C-alpha atoms as a PDB file:
ATOM      1  CA  MET A   1     -28.121  27.095 -18.290  1.00  0.00           C
ATOM      2  CA  ALA A   2     -24.382  27.838 -18.596  1.00  0.00           C
ATOM      3  CA  PHE A   3     -24.238  28.534 -14.835  1.00  0.00           C
ATOM      4  CA  ALA A   4     -25.808  25.156 -14.028  1.00  0.00           C
ATOM      5  CA  ALA A   5     -23.357  23.396 -16.361  1.00  0.00           C
ATOM      6  CA  SER A   6     -20.362  25.131 -14.782  1.00  0.00           C
ATOM      7  CA  MET A   7     -21.592  24.167 -11.304  1.00  0.00           C
ATOM      8  CA  LEU A   8     -21.888  20.537 -12.423  1.00  0.00           C
ATOM      9  CA  VAL A   9     -18.346  20.546 -13.831  1.00  0.00           C
ATOM     10  CA  SER A  10     -17.040  22.179 -10.647  1.00  0.00           C
ATOM     11  CA  ALA A  11     -18.793  19.608  -8.443  1.00  0.00           C
ATOM     12  CA  ASN A  12     -17.422  16.721 -10.510  1.00  0.00           C
ATOM     13  CA  ALA A  13     -13.888  18.147 -10.420  1.00  0.00           C
ATOM     14  CA  GLN A  14     -13.924  18.204  -6.623  1.00  0.00           C
ATOM     15  CA  GLU A  15     -15.246  14.641  -6.266  1.00  0.00           C
ATOM     16  CA  GLY A  16     -11.759  13.171  -6.665  1.00  0.00           C
ATOM     17  CA  LYS A  17     -10.239  15.280  -3.882  1.00  0.00           C
ATOM     18  CA  PRO A  18     -10.279  13.915  -0.336  1.00  0.00           C
ATOM     19  CA  ALA A  19     -12.389  15.918   2.062  1.00  0.00           C
ATOM     20  CA  LYS A  20     -10.425  17.905   4.628  1.00  0.00           C
ATOM     21  CA  VAL A  21     -12.074  16.394   7.662  1.00  0.00           C
ATOM     22  CA  PRO A  22     -10.382  15.708  11.002  1.00  0.00           C
ATOM     23  CA  ALA A  23     -10.635  12.259  12.570  1.00  0.00           C
ATOM     24  CA  TYR A  24     -13.561  11.575  14.923  1.00  0.00           C
ATOM     25  CA  ARG A  25     -12.525  13.134  18.261  1.00  0.00           C
ATOM     26  CA  GLY A  26     -14.604  11.016  20.644  1.00  0.00           C
ATOM     27  CA  LEU A  27     -13.686   7.875  22.541  1.00  0.00           C
ATOM     28  CA  ILE A  28     -14.330   4.646  20.610  1.00  0.00           C
ATOM     29  CA  GLU A  29     -14.704   1.289  22.324  1.00  0.00           C
ATOM     30  CA  ARG A  30     -13.279  -1.474  20.127  1.00  0.00           C
ATOM     31  CA  VAL A  31     -13.684  -5.219  20.627  1.00  0.00           C
ATOM     32  CA  GLN A  32     -10.634  -7.460  20.213  1.00  0.00           C
ATOM     33  CA  PRO A  33     -11.078 -10.886  18.503  1.00  0.00           C
ATOM     34  CA  ASN A  34     -11.011 -12.571  21.931  1.00  0.00           C
ATOM     35  CA  GLY A  35     -13.872 -10.381  23.223  1.00  0.00           C
ATOM     36  CA  ASP A  36     -11.768  -7.964  25.306  1.00  0.00           C
ATOM     37  CA  THR A  37     -12.651  -4.305  24.837  1.00  0.00           C
ATOM     38  CA  LEU A  38     -10.200  -1.437  24.292  1.00  0.00           C
ATOM     39  CA  ARG A  39     -10.950   2.284  24.576  1.00  0.00           C
ATOM     40  CA  THR A  40      -9.316   4.134  21.663  1.00  0.00           C
ATOM     41  CA  PHE A  41      -9.049   7.524  19.985  1.00  0.00           C
ATOM     42  CA  LEU A  42      -8.508   8.341  16.315  1.00  0.00           C
ATOM     43  CA  ARG A  43      -6.254  11.280  15.499  1.00  0.00           C
ATOM     44  CA  GLY A  44      -5.090  12.988  12.341  1.00  0.00           C
ATOM     45  CA  ASP A  45      -6.629  14.018   9.017  1.00  0.00           C
ATOM     46  CA  GLU A  46      -6.909  12.735   5.443  1.00  0.00           C
ATOM     47  CA  ARG A  47      -3.127  12.757   4.957  1.00  0.00           C
ATOM     48  CA  MET A  48      -1.867  11.304   8.233  1.00  0.00           C
ATOM     49  CA  HIS A  49      -3.821   9.441  10.883  1.00  0.00           C
ATOM     50  CA  TRP A  50      -3.275   7.023  13.726  1.00  0.00           C
ATOM     51  CA  MET A  51      -5.086   5.221  16.523  1.00  0.00           C
ATOM     52  CA  MET A  52      -4.136   5.323  20.182  1.00  0.00           C
ATOM     53  CA  THR A  53      -5.216   4.036  23.555  1.00  0.00           C
ATOM     54  CA  GLU A  54      -7.132   6.244  25.952  1.00  0.00           C
ATOM     55  CA  ASP A  55      -3.871   7.156  27.704  1.00  0.00           C
ATOM     56  CA  GLY A  56      -1.917   7.942  24.527  1.00  0.00           C
ATOM     57  CA  TRP A  57      -0.057   4.795  23.410  1.00  0.00           C
ATOM     58  CA  GLN A  58      -0.141   4.413  19.634  1.00  0.00           C
ATOM     59  CA  ILE A  59      -1.725   1.188  18.397  1.00  0.00           C
ATOM     60  CA  LYS A  60      -2.024  -0.536  15.036  1.00  0.00           C
ATOM     61  CA  GLU A  61      -4.689  -2.913  13.767  1.00  0.00           C
ATOM     62  CA  THR A  62      -3.410  -6.168  12.283  1.00  0.00           C
ATOM     63  CA  SER A  63      -4.897  -7.927   9.274  1.00  0.00           C
ATOM     64  CA  ARG A  64      -6.605 -10.330  11.704  1.00  0.00           C
ATOM     65  CA  GLY A  65      -8.308  -7.516  13.603  1.00  0.00           C
ATOM     66  CA  TRP A  66      -6.070  -7.381  16.688  1.00  0.00           C
ATOM     67  CA  LEU A  67      -5.175  -3.992  18.106  1.00  0.00           C
ATOM     68  CA  LYS A  68      -1.493  -4.112  19.064  1.00  0.00           C
ATOM     69  CA  TYR A  69       0.900  -1.561  20.486  1.00  0.00           C
ATOM     70  CA  ALA A  70       2.971   0.278  17.897  1.00  0.00           C
ATOM     71  CA  LYS A  71       6.763   0.240  17.904  1.00  0.00           C
ATOM     72  CA  ILE A  72       9.480   1.701  15.694  1.00  0.00           C
ATOM     73  CA  ASN A  73      11.220  -0.864  13.477  1.00  0.00           C
ATOM     74  CA  ARG A  74      14.853  -0.742  12.301  1.00  0.00           C
ATOM     75  CA  LYS A  75      13.870   1.314   9.249  1.00  0.00           C
ATOM     76  CA  GLY A  76      12.264   3.952  11.488  1.00  0.00           C
ATOM     77  CA  GLN A  77       8.713   2.968  10.529  1.00  0.00           C
ATOM     78  CA  VAL A  78       5.835   2.708  12.985  1.00  0.00           C
ATOM     79  CA  VAL A  79       4.603  -0.901  12.901  1.00  0.00           C
ATOM     80  CA  ALA A  80       2.440  -3.219  15.004  1.00  0.00           C
ATOM     81  CA  SER A  81       4.341  -5.070  17.710  1.00  0.00           C
ATOM     82  CA  CYS A  82       3.540  -8.597  18.860  1.00  0.00           C
ATOM     83  CA  ARG A  83       1.930  -7.212  22.050  1.00  0.00           C
ATOM     84  CA  LYS A  84      -1.864  -6.987  22.233  1.00  0.00           C
ATOM     85  CA  ALA A  85      -3.099  -3.632  23.520  1.00  0.00           C
ATOM     86  CA  HIS A  86      -5.016  -3.356  26.793  1.00  0.00           C
ATOM     87  CA  ASN A  87      -6.717  -0.573  28.724  1.00  0.00           C
ATOM     88  CA  ALA A  88      -4.423   0.960  31.365  1.00  0.00           C
ATOM     89  CA  GLU A  89      -6.168  -0.748  34.290  1.00  0.00           C
ATOM     90  CA  LYS A  90      -5.626  -4.220  32.752  1.00  0.00           C
ATOM     91  CA  ARG A  91      -1.912  -3.900  31.924  1.00  0.00           C
ATOM     92  CA  SER A  92       0.615  -6.089  33.690  1.00  0.00           C
ATOM     93  CA  LYS A  93       3.854  -4.707  35.156  1.00  0.00           C
ATOM     94  CA  CYS A  94       5.727  -6.476  32.356  1.00  0.00           C
ATOM     95  CA  GLU A  95       3.520  -4.825  29.731  1.00  0.00           C
ATOM     96  CA  ILE A  96       4.044  -1.372  31.273  1.00  0.00           C
ATOM     97  CA  LYS A  97       7.809  -1.936  31.350  1.00  0.00           C
ATOM     98  CA  TRP A  98       7.746  -2.951  27.652  1.00  0.00           C
ATOM     99  CA  LEU A  99       5.674   0.115  26.714  1.00  0.00           C
ATOM    100  CA  ASN A 100       8.041   2.469  28.508  1.00  0.00           C
ATOM    101  CA  LYS A 101      10.976   0.983  26.594  1.00  0.00           C
ATOM    102  CA  HIS A 102       9.500   0.254  23.129  1.00  0.00           C
ATOM    103  CA  GLY A 103       6.038   1.853  22.852  1.00  0.00           C
ATOM    104  CA  VAL A 104       5.184   4.948  20.819  1.00  0.00           C
ATOM    105  CA  LYS A 105       3.528   7.635  22.966  1.00  0.00           C
ATOM    106  CA  LYS A 106       1.333  10.258  21.290  1.00  0.00           C
ATOM    107  CA  ASN A 107      -0.022  13.521  22.653  1.00  0.00           C
ATOM    108  CA  LEU A 108      -3.706  13.432  23.474  1.00  0.00           C
END
């Protein structure tokens, strides 16, 4: 009986701790509010995590559900830019130029 009680206490004590589980490693196809699709990856763990395009550009989801390219603000924080994210084959030359100057690239 004492063993069962100690197991119950131990199980309850660990409930409050986040599980040490890595982010899902597979490709995820997300749908933008306008119906466009974007292939993304999740990376990180319970302490630090981020989302990125299939080719490694970091993206952020806005409160309205848009996936936008990430940029570094003046305080050094990674934030969503005003540019909507696209799959590599749908990017314009202007978008590629912006990414190369302002985008945050992550290792796959």
